[in-house]
Amino acid sequence: MFQVRVHGRGGQGVVTTAELLSVAAFAEGGQAQAFPTFGSERTGAPVVGFCRIDDRPIRTHEPVARPDAVIIQDATLLHQVDVFEGLDPGGYLLINTSRSLTELGLGAFVQQLGSDRVVTVPATELALTHLGRPLPGAVLLGAFAALTGQVQLTSVLRAIEERFTGTVAAGNVAAATAAYHQVRSQIGEPARAQTN
């Protein structure tokens, strides 16, 4: 089973991001589940979404305590919430930011995981460019596909097109594709993630 935890703030589409990832996994014949957990339900409050991907039925419904990958939709959470809790040294880390890992103060953490497993993507900027709105979720899923190899970009794009229509779908598809290619250029060929 491959487990993903998504950290963001209310209004950023954390729940939608986890759901889109599960739909992409289903499209490839896998089993998946997605669900959120909320603190105070207000715009800007920390929100966590979870997604599990497996080739067998998933029986557990508890929050993901030991993620194989962590997606951070808002870099301001890095020093407010323990977003790295439970992330193994063999895990993946994807952060929405235009700042470098050194600027974020994550140099030592990158050494633990390895530079091919930690990626930053300016997802909000890509979303603004292609969609006109600061919603990084779908963009980060394009980057996730390139980083982990758990789902294919075509499955992510199909999930986006099933969820959205018109210019919203087209903008999200373009932004996710741009993020996918940006990550591939950063790390080379997409890695095949190790599963638990």
N, C-alpha and C. Protein backbone atom coordinates (compact mmCIF):
# COMPACT_ATOMS: atom_id res chain seq x y z
N MET A 1 0.85 -1.19 0.00
CA MET A 1 0.00 0.00 0.00
C MET A 1 0.88 1.24 0.00
N PHE A 2 0.51 2.22 -0.81
CA PHE A 2 1.23 3.49 -0.87
C PHE A 2 0.32 4.54 -0.24
N GLN A 3 0.82 5.23 0.78
CA GLN A 3 0.00 6.17 1.54
C GLN A 3 0.51 7.60 1.36
N VAL A 4 -0.43 8.50 1.13
CA VAL A 4 -0.10 9.90 0.86
C VAL A 4 -0.84 10.79 1.85
N ARG A 5 -0.12 11.78 2.36
CA ARG A 5 -0.74 12.79 3.22
C ARG A 5 -0.57 14.14 2.55
N VAL A 6 -1.66 14.90 2.46
CA VAL A 6 -1.66 16.21 1.81
C VAL A 6 -1.94 17.27 2.87
N HIS A 7 -1.02 18.23 3.02
CA HIS A 7 -1.19 19.32 3.97
C HIS A 7 -1.46 20.61 3.22
N GLY A 8 -2.42 21.36 3.68
CA GLY A 8 -2.72 22.66 3.08
C GLY A 8 -3.59 23.46 4.01
N ARG A 9 -4.21 24.46 3.44
CA ARG A 9 -5.10 25.33 4.22
C ARG A 9 -6.49 25.29 3.61
N GLY A 10 -7.48 25.54 4.45
CA GLY A 10 -8.86 25.57 3.98
C GLY A 10 -9.01 26.52 2.80
N GLY A 11 -9.64 26.05 1.75
CA GLY A 11 -9.82 26.86 0.55
C GLY A 11 -8.82 26.57 -0.56
N GLN A 12 -7.79 25.76 -0.26
CA GLN A 12 -6.77 25.45 -1.27
C GLN A 12 -7.08 24.18 -2.05
N GLY A 13 -8.14 23.47 -1.70
CA GLY A 13 -8.50 22.27 -2.43
C GLY A 13 -7.79 21.01 -1.97
N VAL A 14 -7.45 20.92 -0.70
CA VAL A 14 -6.76 19.73 -0.17
C VAL A 14 -7.63 18.48 -0.36
N VAL A 15 -8.91 18.59 -0.05
CA VAL A 15 -9.82 17.45 -0.18
C VAL A 15 -9.92 17.03 -1.65
N THR A 16 -10.06 17.99 -2.53
CA THR A 16 -10.14 17.70 -3.96
C THR A 16 -8.86 17.05 -4.46
N THR A 17 -7.71 17.50 -3.97
CA THR A 17 -6.43 16.92 -4.38
C THR A 17 -6.38 15.44 -4.04
N ALA A 18 -6.74 15.08 -2.82
CA ALA A 18 -6.73 13.68 -2.41
C ALA A 18 -7.73 12.87 -3.23
N GLU A 19 -8.90 13.43 -3.49
CA GLU A 19 -9.91 12.73 -4.28
C GLU A 19 -9.45 12.51 -5.71
N LEU A 20 -8.85 13.53 -6.32
CA LEU A 20 -8.36 13.39 -7.69
C LEU A 20 -7.28 12.31 -7.78
N LEU A 21 -6.41 12.24 -6.78
CA LEU A 21 -5.38 11.21 -6.77
C LEU A 21 -6.01 9.82 -6.70
N SER A 22 -7.03 9.66 -5.88
CA SER A 22 -7.69 8.36 -5.78
C SER A 22 -8.38 7.99 -7.09
N VAL A 23 -8.98 8.95 -7.76
CA VAL A 23 -9.64 8.70 -9.05
C VAL A 23 -8.60 8.29 -10.10
N ALA A 24 -7.44 8.93 -10.08
CA ALA A 24 -6.36 8.58 -11.01
C ALA A 24 -5.90 7.14 -10.78
N ALA A 25 -5.80 6.74 -9.50
CA ALA A 25 -5.39 5.37 -9.18
C ALA A 25 -6.45 4.37 -9.63
N PHE A 26 -7.73 4.70 -9.43
CA PHE A 26 -8.82 3.84 -9.89
C PHE A 26 -8.77 3.67 -11.41
N ALA A 27 -8.45 4.74 -12.11
CA ALA A 27 -8.40 4.70 -13.57
C ALA A 27 -7.35 3.71 -14.07
N GLU A 28 -6.35 3.43 -13.24
CA GLU A 28 -5.31 2.48 -13.60
C GLU A 28 -5.59 1.08 -13.07
N GLY A 29 -6.80 0.88 -12.55
CA GLY A 29 -7.19 -0.44 -12.08
C GLY A 29 -6.83 -0.72 -10.64
N GLY A 30 -6.34 0.27 -9.93
CA GLY A 30 -5.97 0.09 -8.53
C GLY A 30 -7.13 0.32 -7.59
N GLN A 31 -6.88 0.05 -6.34
CA GLN A 31 -7.82 0.37 -5.28
C GLN A 31 -7.33 1.66 -4.63
N ALA A 32 -8.25 2.51 -4.20
CA ALA A 32 -7.83 3.76 -3.58
C ALA A 32 -8.92 4.27 -2.66
N GLN A 33 -8.52 5.09 -1.72
CA GLN A 33 -9.46 5.79 -0.86
C GLN A 33 -8.89 7.17 -0.57
N ALA A 34 -9.78 8.12 -0.38
CA ALA A 34 -9.37 9.48 -0.04
C ALA A 34 -10.34 10.04 0.98
N PHE A 35 -9.80 10.76 1.96
CA PHE A 35 -10.65 11.39 2.97
C PHE A 35 -9.85 12.48 3.66
N PRO A 36 -10.54 13.47 4.24
CA PRO A 36 -9.85 14.57 4.93
C PRO A 36 -10.00 14.49 6.44
N THR A 37 -9.26 15.36 7.10
CA THR A 37 -9.50 15.64 8.50
C THR A 37 -9.38 17.16 8.66
N PHE A 38 -10.25 17.72 9.45
CA PHE A 38 -10.29 19.16 9.61
C PHE A 38 -10.04 19.55 11.05
N GLY A 39 -9.44 20.71 11.23
CA GLY A 39 -9.40 21.33 12.55
C GLY A 39 -10.61 22.23 12.60
N SER A 40 -10.38 23.51 12.80
CA SER A 40 -11.49 24.46 12.73
C SER A 40 -11.81 24.65 11.25
N GLU A 41 -13.07 24.51 10.89
CA GLU A 41 -13.46 24.55 9.49
C GLU A 41 -13.64 26.00 9.05
N ARG A 42 -12.53 26.60 8.64
CA ARG A 42 -12.58 27.97 8.14
C ARG A 42 -11.49 28.14 7.08
N THR A 43 -11.69 29.09 6.22
CA THR A 43 -10.70 29.37 5.20
C THR A 43 -9.39 29.75 5.85
N GLY A 44 -8.31 29.13 5.40
CA GLY A 44 -6.98 29.42 5.93
C GLY A 44 -6.54 28.52 7.06
N ALA A 45 -7.47 27.76 7.66
CA ALA A 45 -7.09 26.84 8.75
C ALA A 45 -6.38 25.62 8.16
N PRO A 46 -5.43 25.04 8.89
CA PRO A 46 -4.76 23.83 8.39
C PRO A 46 -5.75 22.70 8.13
N VAL A 47 -5.58 22.04 7.00
CA VAL A 47 -6.40 20.91 6.60
C VAL A 47 -5.46 19.80 6.16
N VAL A 48 -5.83 18.56 6.44
CA VAL A 48 -5.04 17.41 6.01
C VAL A 48 -5.94 16.47 5.23
N GLY A 49 -5.45 16.03 4.08
CA GLY A 49 -6.15 15.03 3.28
C GLY A 49 -5.29 13.79 3.18
N PHE A 50 -5.94 12.65 3.03
CA PHE A 50 -5.23 11.38 2.95
C PHE A 50 -5.66 10.62 1.71
N CYS A 51 -4.73 9.86 1.15
CA CYS A 51 -5.04 8.98 0.03
C CYS A 51 -4.21 7.71 0.18
N ARG A 52 -4.87 6.59 -0.02
CA ARG A 52 -4.17 5.30 -0.02
C ARG A 52 -4.37 4.66 -1.39
N ILE A 53 -3.31 4.04 -1.90
CA ILE A 53 -3.34 3.37 -3.20
C ILE A 53 -2.81 1.96 -3.01
N ASP A 54 -3.53 0.98 -3.53
CA ASP A 54 -3.09 -0.40 -3.40
C ASP A 54 -3.66 -1.21 -4.56
N ASP A 55 -3.18 -2.43 -4.71
CA ASP A 55 -3.74 -3.32 -5.73
C ASP A 55 -4.73 -4.30 -5.11
N ARG A 56 -4.96 -4.19 -3.80
CA ARG A 56 -5.94 -5.01 -3.09
C ARG A 56 -6.92 -4.10 -2.37
N PRO A 57 -8.07 -4.61 -1.98
CA PRO A 57 -9.02 -3.79 -1.22
C PRO A 57 -8.37 -3.20 0.03
N ILE A 58 -8.71 -1.98 0.33
CA ILE A 58 -8.14 -1.26 1.47
C ILE A 58 -9.14 -1.32 2.62
N ARG A 59 -8.73 -1.90 3.70
CA ARG A 59 -9.65 -2.11 4.84
C ARG A 59 -9.53 -1.02 5.91
N THR A 60 -8.38 -0.41 6.03
CA THR A 60 -8.18 0.60 7.08
C THR A 60 -8.78 1.94 6.65
N HIS A 61 -9.28 2.67 7.62
CA HIS A 61 -9.86 3.99 7.36
C HIS A 61 -9.33 5.03 8.34
N GLU A 62 -8.18 4.74 8.92
CA GLU A 62 -7.59 5.65 9.88
C GLU A 62 -6.73 6.68 9.17
N PRO A 63 -6.48 7.82 9.80
CA PRO A 63 -5.57 8.79 9.19
C PRO A 63 -4.20 8.17 8.92
N VAL A 64 -3.53 8.67 7.91
CA VAL A 64 -2.22 8.16 7.53
C VAL A 64 -1.17 8.69 8.50
N ALA A 65 -0.60 7.80 9.30
CA ALA A 65 0.40 8.19 10.29
C ALA A 65 1.82 8.02 9.75
N ARG A 66 2.01 7.07 8.83
CA ARG A 66 3.34 6.79 8.27
C ARG A 66 3.26 6.90 6.75
N PRO A 67 3.24 8.12 6.23
CA PRO A 67 3.07 8.30 4.79
C PRO A 67 4.31 7.90 3.99
N ASP A 68 4.06 7.42 2.79
CA ASP A 68 5.14 7.18 1.83
C ASP A 68 5.46 8.46 1.07
N ALA A 69 4.50 9.36 1.03
CA ALA A 69 4.69 10.66 0.37
C ALA A 69 3.90 11.72 1.11
N VAL A 70 4.48 12.91 1.18
CA VAL A 70 3.80 14.07 1.77
C VAL A 70 3.78 15.17 0.71
N ILE A 71 2.59 15.71 0.50
CA ILE A 71 2.41 16.84 -0.42
C ILE A 71 2.04 18.04 0.43
N ILE A 72 2.80 19.11 0.30
CA ILE A 72 2.54 20.33 1.08
C ILE A 72 2.08 21.42 0.13
N GLN A 73 0.81 21.77 0.24
CA GLN A 73 0.23 22.77 -0.66
C GLN A 73 0.53 24.20 -0.23
N ASP A 74 0.94 24.39 1.01
CA ASP A 74 1.22 25.72 1.53
C ASP A 74 2.49 25.66 2.38
N ALA A 75 3.57 26.23 1.87
CA ALA A 75 4.87 26.16 2.55
C ALA A 75 4.88 26.88 3.89
N THR A 76 3.92 27.75 4.16
CA THR A 76 3.89 28.41 5.47
C THR A 76 3.58 27.42 6.58
N LEU A 77 3.08 26.24 6.24
CA LEU A 77 2.80 25.22 7.24
C LEU A 77 4.06 24.51 7.74
N LEU A 78 5.18 24.67 7.01
CA LEU A 78 6.40 23.96 7.37
C LEU A 78 6.84 24.21 8.80
N HIS A 79 6.61 25.40 9.30
CA HIS A 79 7.06 25.74 10.65
C HIS A 79 5.90 25.93 11.62
N GLN A 80 4.69 25.51 11.20
CA GLN A 80 3.52 25.62 12.06
C GLN A 80 2.93 24.28 12.44
N VAL A 81 3.10 23.30 11.56
CA VAL A 81 2.52 21.97 11.75
C VAL A 81 3.63 20.96 11.49
N ASP A 82 3.61 19.83 12.18
CA ASP A 82 4.63 18.80 11.95
C ASP A 82 4.25 18.00 10.70
N VAL A 83 4.49 18.60 9.54
CA VAL A 83 4.12 17.99 8.26
C VAL A 83 4.96 16.76 7.94
N PHE A 84 6.12 16.63 8.56
CA PHE A 84 7.01 15.50 8.28
C PHE A 84 6.78 14.30 9.20
N GLU A 85 5.86 14.42 10.13
CA GLU A 85 5.63 13.36 11.11
C GLU A 85 5.39 12.02 10.41
N GLY A 86 6.18 11.02 10.78
CA GLY A 86 6.00 9.68 10.26
C GLY A 86 6.59 9.41 8.89
N LEU A 87 7.12 10.42 8.23
CA LEU A 87 7.67 10.23 6.88
C LEU A 87 9.00 9.50 6.98
N ASP A 88 9.08 8.33 6.38
CA ASP A 88 10.29 7.52 6.42
C ASP A 88 11.39 8.10 5.56
N PRO A 89 12.65 7.75 5.84
CA PRO A 89 13.77 8.20 5.01
C PRO A 89 13.62 7.80 3.54
N GLY A 90 12.86 6.76 3.24
CA GLY A 90 12.64 6.34 1.86
C GLY A 90 11.44 7.00 1.22
N GLY A 91 10.85 7.99 1.89
CA GLY A 91 9.63 8.62 1.40
C GLY A 91 9.88 9.74 0.41
N TYR A 92 8.79 10.32 -0.06
CA TYR A 92 8.83 11.42 -1.02
C TYR A 92 8.22 12.67 -0.39
N LEU A 93 8.77 13.81 -0.76
CA LEU A 93 8.28 15.09 -0.27
C LEU A 93 8.13 16.05 -1.44
N LEU A 94 6.94 16.61 -1.57
CA LEU A 94 6.62 17.54 -2.65
C LEU A 94 6.06 18.82 -2.01
N ILE A 95 6.72 19.95 -2.28
CA ILE A 95 6.34 21.22 -1.65
C ILE A 95 5.99 22.26 -2.70
N ASN A 96 4.86 22.92 -2.51
CA ASN A 96 4.44 24.01 -3.37
C ASN A 96 5.16 25.28 -2.92
N THR A 97 6.19 25.65 -3.65
CA THR A 97 6.93 26.88 -3.36
C THR A 97 7.84 27.23 -4.53
N SER A 98 8.16 28.48 -4.65
CA SER A 98 9.16 28.91 -5.64
C SER A 98 10.52 29.10 -4.96
N ARG A 99 10.56 28.92 -3.65
CA ARG A 99 11.81 29.05 -2.90
C ARG A 99 12.59 27.74 -2.97
N SER A 100 13.89 27.83 -2.76
CA SER A 100 14.73 26.63 -2.76
C SER A 100 14.59 25.91 -1.42
N LEU A 101 15.00 24.66 -1.39
CA LEU A 101 14.97 23.89 -0.15
C LEU A 101 15.88 24.49 0.90
N THR A 102 17.00 25.06 0.48
CA THR A 102 17.91 25.73 1.41
C THR A 102 17.24 26.95 2.01
N GLU A 103 16.55 27.74 1.18
CA GLU A 103 15.83 28.91 1.68
C GLU A 103 14.74 28.53 2.68
N LEU A 104 14.17 27.34 2.48
CA LEU A 104 13.13 26.87 3.38
C LEU A 104 13.70 26.27 4.67
N GLY A 105 15.02 26.13 4.73
CA GLY A 105 15.67 25.55 5.90
C GLY A 105 15.56 24.03 5.96
N LEU A 106 15.48 23.39 4.79
CA LEU A 106 15.29 21.95 4.74
C LEU A 106 16.50 21.19 4.21
N GLY A 107 17.65 21.81 4.21
CA GLY A 107 18.84 21.16 3.68
C GLY A 107 19.15 19.83 4.33
N ALA A 108 19.11 19.77 5.65
CA ALA A 108 19.42 18.52 6.36
C ALA A 108 18.36 17.45 6.09
N PHE A 109 17.12 17.88 5.99
CA PHE A 109 16.04 16.93 5.73
C PHE A 109 16.18 16.32 4.34
N VAL A 110 16.60 17.12 3.39
CA VAL A 110 16.80 16.63 2.02
C VAL A 110 17.89 15.56 2.01
N GLN A 111 18.91 15.74 2.80
CA GLN A 111 19.98 14.75 2.86
C GLN A 111 19.47 13.41 3.38
N GLN A 112 18.50 13.44 4.30
CA GLN A 112 17.93 12.20 4.82
C GLN A 112 17.15 11.45 3.75
N LEU A 113 16.32 12.17 2.99
CA LEU A 113 15.47 11.53 2.00
C LEU A 113 16.19 11.29 0.68
N GLY A 114 17.09 12.19 0.32
CA GLY A 114 17.75 12.11 -0.98
C GLY A 114 17.18 13.16 -1.91
N SER A 115 18.03 13.79 -2.68
CA SER A 115 17.60 14.90 -3.53
C SER A 115 16.65 14.46 -4.64
N ASP A 116 16.61 13.16 -4.97
CA ASP A 116 15.68 12.70 -5.99
C ASP A 116 14.30 12.37 -5.42
N ARG A 117 14.13 12.59 -4.11
CA ARG A 117 12.84 12.31 -3.46
C ARG A 117 12.20 13.55 -2.86
N VAL A 118 12.86 14.68 -2.98
CA VAL A 118 12.33 15.94 -2.45
C VAL A 118 12.31 16.95 -3.58
N VAL A 119 11.13 17.50 -3.86
CA VAL A 119 10.99 18.41 -4.99
C VAL A 119 10.14 19.61 -4.57
N THR A 120 10.54 20.77 -5.06
CA THR A 120 9.70 21.96 -4.92
C THR A 120 9.16 22.31 -6.29
N VAL A 121 7.93 22.77 -6.32
CA VAL A 121 7.26 23.17 -7.56
C VAL A 121 6.47 24.44 -7.27
N PRO A 122 6.59 25.46 -8.11
CA PRO A 122 5.80 26.67 -7.89
C PRO A 122 4.36 26.45 -8.38
N ALA A 123 3.64 25.57 -7.70
CA ALA A 123 2.32 25.15 -8.16
C ALA A 123 1.31 26.29 -8.18
N THR A 124 1.36 27.16 -7.19
CA THR A 124 0.42 28.28 -7.18
C THR A 124 0.67 29.19 -8.38
N GLU A 125 1.94 29.45 -8.68
CA GLU A 125 2.27 30.28 -9.84
C GLU A 125 1.83 29.62 -11.14
N LEU A 126 2.04 28.32 -11.26
CA LEU A 126 1.60 27.61 -12.45
C LEU A 126 0.08 27.64 -12.58
N ALA A 127 -0.62 27.49 -11.46
CA ALA A 127 -2.08 27.57 -11.47
C ALA A 127 -2.55 28.95 -11.90
N LEU A 128 -1.91 29.99 -11.38
CA LEU A 128 -2.29 31.35 -11.77
C LEU A 128 -2.05 31.58 -13.26
N THR A 129 -0.94 31.06 -13.77
CA THR A 129 -0.60 31.24 -15.18
C THR A 129 -1.60 30.53 -16.08
N HIS A 130 -1.91 29.28 -15.76
CA HIS A 130 -2.74 28.47 -16.66
C HIS A 130 -4.23 28.49 -16.34
N LEU A 131 -4.56 28.74 -15.09
CA LEU A 131 -5.95 28.67 -14.64
C LEU A 131 -6.50 30.03 -14.25
N GLY A 132 -5.60 30.93 -13.83
CA GLY A 132 -6.05 32.24 -13.38
C GLY A 132 -6.51 32.25 -11.94
N ARG A 133 -6.30 31.16 -11.22
CA ARG A 133 -6.72 31.04 -9.82
C ARG A 133 -5.60 30.36 -9.02
N PRO A 134 -5.41 30.73 -7.75
CA PRO A 134 -4.31 30.16 -6.95
C PRO A 134 -4.67 28.82 -6.30
N LEU A 135 -5.01 27.84 -7.12
CA LEU A 135 -5.39 26.52 -6.61
C LEU A 135 -4.34 25.49 -7.04
N PRO A 136 -3.44 25.10 -6.13
CA PRO A 136 -2.29 24.29 -6.51
C PRO A 136 -2.51 22.78 -6.58
N GLY A 137 -3.65 22.28 -6.14
CA GLY A 137 -3.84 20.84 -5.98
C GLY A 137 -3.61 20.01 -7.23
N ALA A 138 -4.33 20.30 -8.29
CA ALA A 138 -4.19 19.52 -9.53
C ALA A 138 -2.77 19.65 -10.09
N VAL A 139 -2.20 20.83 -9.94
CA VAL A 139 -0.83 21.06 -10.41
C VAL A 139 0.13 20.12 -9.68
N LEU A 140 -0.02 20.02 -8.37
CA LEU A 140 0.85 19.17 -7.57
C LEU A 140 0.69 17.69 -7.92
N LEU A 141 -0.48 17.30 -8.39
CA LEU A 141 -0.67 15.90 -8.78
C LEU A 141 0.12 15.57 -10.05
N GLY A 142 0.27 16.53 -10.94
CA GLY A 142 1.14 16.32 -12.09
C GLY A 142 2.57 16.12 -11.62
N ALA A 143 3.00 16.92 -10.67
CA ALA A 143 4.34 16.78 -10.10
C ALA A 143 4.48 15.47 -9.34
N PHE A 144 3.44 15.07 -8.62
CA PHE A 144 3.44 13.80 -7.87
C PHE A 144 3.64 12.62 -8.81
N ALA A 145 2.97 12.64 -9.95
CA ALA A 145 3.11 11.55 -10.93
C ALA A 145 4.55 11.44 -11.40
N ALA A 146 5.19 12.57 -11.65
CA ALA A 146 6.58 12.56 -12.11
C ALA A 146 7.54 12.12 -11.01
N LEU A 147 7.27 12.54 -9.78
CA LEU A 147 8.17 12.25 -8.66
C LEU A 147 8.12 10.79 -8.24
N THR A 148 6.91 10.25 -8.08
CA THR A 148 6.76 8.92 -7.48
C THR A 148 6.52 7.80 -8.48
N GLY A 149 5.92 8.10 -9.62
CA GLY A 149 5.56 7.05 -10.56
C GLY A 149 4.40 6.20 -10.09
N GLN A 150 3.70 6.59 -9.03
CA GLN A 150 2.57 5.82 -8.52
C GLN A 150 1.36 5.87 -9.44
N VAL A 151 1.17 6.97 -10.12
CA VAL A 151 0.12 7.11 -11.13
C VAL A 151 0.75 7.76 -12.35
N GLN A 152 0.14 7.53 -13.49
CA GLN A 152 0.63 8.12 -14.73
C GLN A 152 0.00 9.50 -14.93
N LEU A 153 0.69 10.36 -15.64
CA LEU A 153 0.15 11.70 -15.91
C LEU A 153 -1.18 11.60 -16.63
N THR A 154 -1.32 10.67 -17.57
CA THR A 154 -2.58 10.54 -18.31
C THR A 154 -3.75 10.26 -17.37
N SER A 155 -3.52 9.49 -16.33
CA SER A 155 -4.59 9.19 -15.36
C SER A 155 -4.94 10.42 -14.54
N VAL A 156 -3.94 11.20 -14.17
CA VAL A 156 -4.19 12.45 -13.45
C VAL A 156 -5.01 13.40 -14.31
N LEU A 157 -4.63 13.52 -15.58
CA LEU A 157 -5.35 14.42 -16.48
C LEU A 157 -6.78 13.95 -16.70
N ARG A 158 -6.98 12.65 -16.80
CA ARG A 158 -8.33 12.11 -16.96
C ARG A 158 -9.17 12.42 -15.72
N ALA A 159 -8.58 12.28 -14.53
CA ALA A 159 -9.31 12.60 -13.30
C ALA A 159 -9.70 14.08 -13.26
N ILE A 160 -8.80 14.94 -13.70
CA ILE A 160 -9.09 16.38 -13.75
C ILE A 160 -10.25 16.65 -14.70
N GLU A 161 -10.20 16.02 -15.87
CA GLU A 161 -11.25 16.26 -16.88
C GLU A 161 -12.59 15.69 -16.46
N GLU A 162 -12.59 14.67 -15.61
CA GLU A 162 -13.85 14.13 -15.09
C GLU A 162 -14.44 15.05 -14.02
N ARG A 163 -13.58 15.73 -13.28
CA ARG A 163 -14.03 16.56 -12.16
C ARG A 163 -14.44 17.97 -12.61
N PHE A 164 -13.70 18.52 -13.58
CA PHE A 164 -13.93 19.90 -14.01
C PHE A 164 -14.34 19.93 -15.49
N THR A 165 -14.84 21.08 -15.91
CA THR A 165 -15.24 21.24 -17.31
C THR A 165 -14.66 22.53 -17.87
N GLY A 166 -14.73 22.66 -19.19
CA GLY A 166 -14.40 23.89 -19.87
C GLY A 166 -13.01 24.42 -19.59
N THR A 167 -12.94 25.73 -19.38
CA THR A 167 -11.65 26.38 -19.19
C THR A 167 -10.99 25.98 -17.87
N VAL A 168 -11.78 25.61 -16.86
CA VAL A 168 -11.21 25.16 -15.59
C VAL A 168 -10.46 23.85 -15.79
N ALA A 169 -11.08 22.93 -16.51
CA ALA A 169 -10.42 21.65 -16.81
C ALA A 169 -9.17 21.89 -17.65
N ALA A 170 -9.31 22.69 -18.69
CA ALA A 170 -8.17 22.94 -19.59
C ALA A 170 -7.02 23.60 -18.86
N GLY A 171 -7.31 24.57 -18.00
CA GLY A 171 -6.26 25.24 -17.24
C GLY A 171 -5.56 24.31 -16.27
N ASN A 172 -6.33 23.48 -15.57
CA ASN A 172 -5.73 22.52 -14.64
C ASN A 172 -4.90 21.48 -15.38
N VAL A 173 -5.37 21.02 -16.53
CA VAL A 173 -4.61 20.05 -17.33
C VAL A 173 -3.28 20.66 -17.77
N ALA A 174 -3.32 21.89 -18.26
CA ALA A 174 -2.09 22.56 -18.71
C ALA A 174 -1.12 22.76 -17.56
N ALA A 175 -1.63 23.17 -16.40
CA ALA A 175 -0.76 23.42 -15.25
C ALA A 175 -0.17 22.12 -14.71
N ALA A 176 -0.98 21.05 -14.63
CA ALA A 176 -0.48 19.76 -14.15
C ALA A 176 0.57 19.21 -15.10
N THR A 177 0.35 19.38 -16.40
CA THR A 177 1.32 18.91 -17.39
C THR A 177 2.64 19.67 -17.26
N ALA A 178 2.54 20.98 -17.06
CA ALA A 178 3.75 21.80 -16.90
C ALA A 178 4.52 21.36 -15.65
N ALA A 179 3.81 21.09 -14.55
CA ALA A 179 4.47 20.65 -13.32
C ALA A 179 5.13 19.29 -13.51
N TYR A 180 4.45 18.40 -14.21
CA TYR A 180 5.01 17.07 -14.49
C TYR A 180 6.35 17.20 -15.21
N HIS A 181 6.39 18.01 -16.27
CA HIS A 181 7.62 18.16 -17.04
C HIS A 181 8.70 18.89 -16.25
N GLN A 182 8.31 19.83 -15.41
CA GLN A 182 9.28 20.53 -14.58
C GLN A 182 9.96 19.55 -13.61
N VAL A 183 9.18 18.68 -12.97
CA VAL A 183 9.76 17.71 -12.03
C VAL A 183 10.61 16.70 -12.78
N ARG A 184 10.15 16.23 -13.92
CA ARG A 184 10.96 15.28 -14.70
C ARG A 184 12.32 15.89 -15.05
N SER A 185 12.33 17.17 -15.36
CA SER A 185 13.61 17.80 -15.70
C SER A 185 14.48 17.96 -14.45
N GLN A 186 13.86 18.09 -13.27
CA GLN A 186 14.63 18.21 -12.03
C GLN A 186 15.25 16.89 -11.60
N ILE A 187 14.51 15.80 -11.76
CA ILE A 187 14.99 14.53 -11.22
C ILE A 187 15.32 13.49 -12.29
N GLY A 188 15.07 13.78 -13.52
CA GLY A 188 15.28 12.80 -14.58
C GLY A 188 14.06 11.94 -14.73
N GLU A 189 14.24 10.71 -15.17
CA GLU A 189 13.11 9.81 -15.38
C GLU A 189 12.37 9.59 -14.07
N PRO A 190 11.04 9.47 -14.13
CA PRO A 190 10.28 9.27 -12.89
C PRO A 190 10.67 7.99 -12.19
N ALA A 191 10.76 8.09 -10.89
CA ALA A 191 11.12 6.93 -10.07
C ALA A 191 9.92 6.04 -9.88
N ARG A 192 10.15 4.77 -9.68
CA ARG A 192 9.09 3.85 -9.27
C ARG A 192 9.15 3.81 -7.75
N ALA A 193 8.10 4.20 -7.13
CA ALA A 193 8.09 4.28 -5.67
C ALA A 193 8.10 2.89 -5.05
N GLN A 194 8.75 2.79 -3.92
CA GLN A 194 8.71 1.57 -3.16
C GLN A 194 7.46 1.61 -2.29
N THR A 195 6.79 0.49 -2.20
CA THR A 195 5.58 0.45 -1.38
C THR A 195 5.84 -0.31 -0.11
N ASN A 196 4.97 -0.10 0.86
CA ASN A 196 5.11 -0.79 2.15
C ASN A 196 4.88 -2.27 1.97
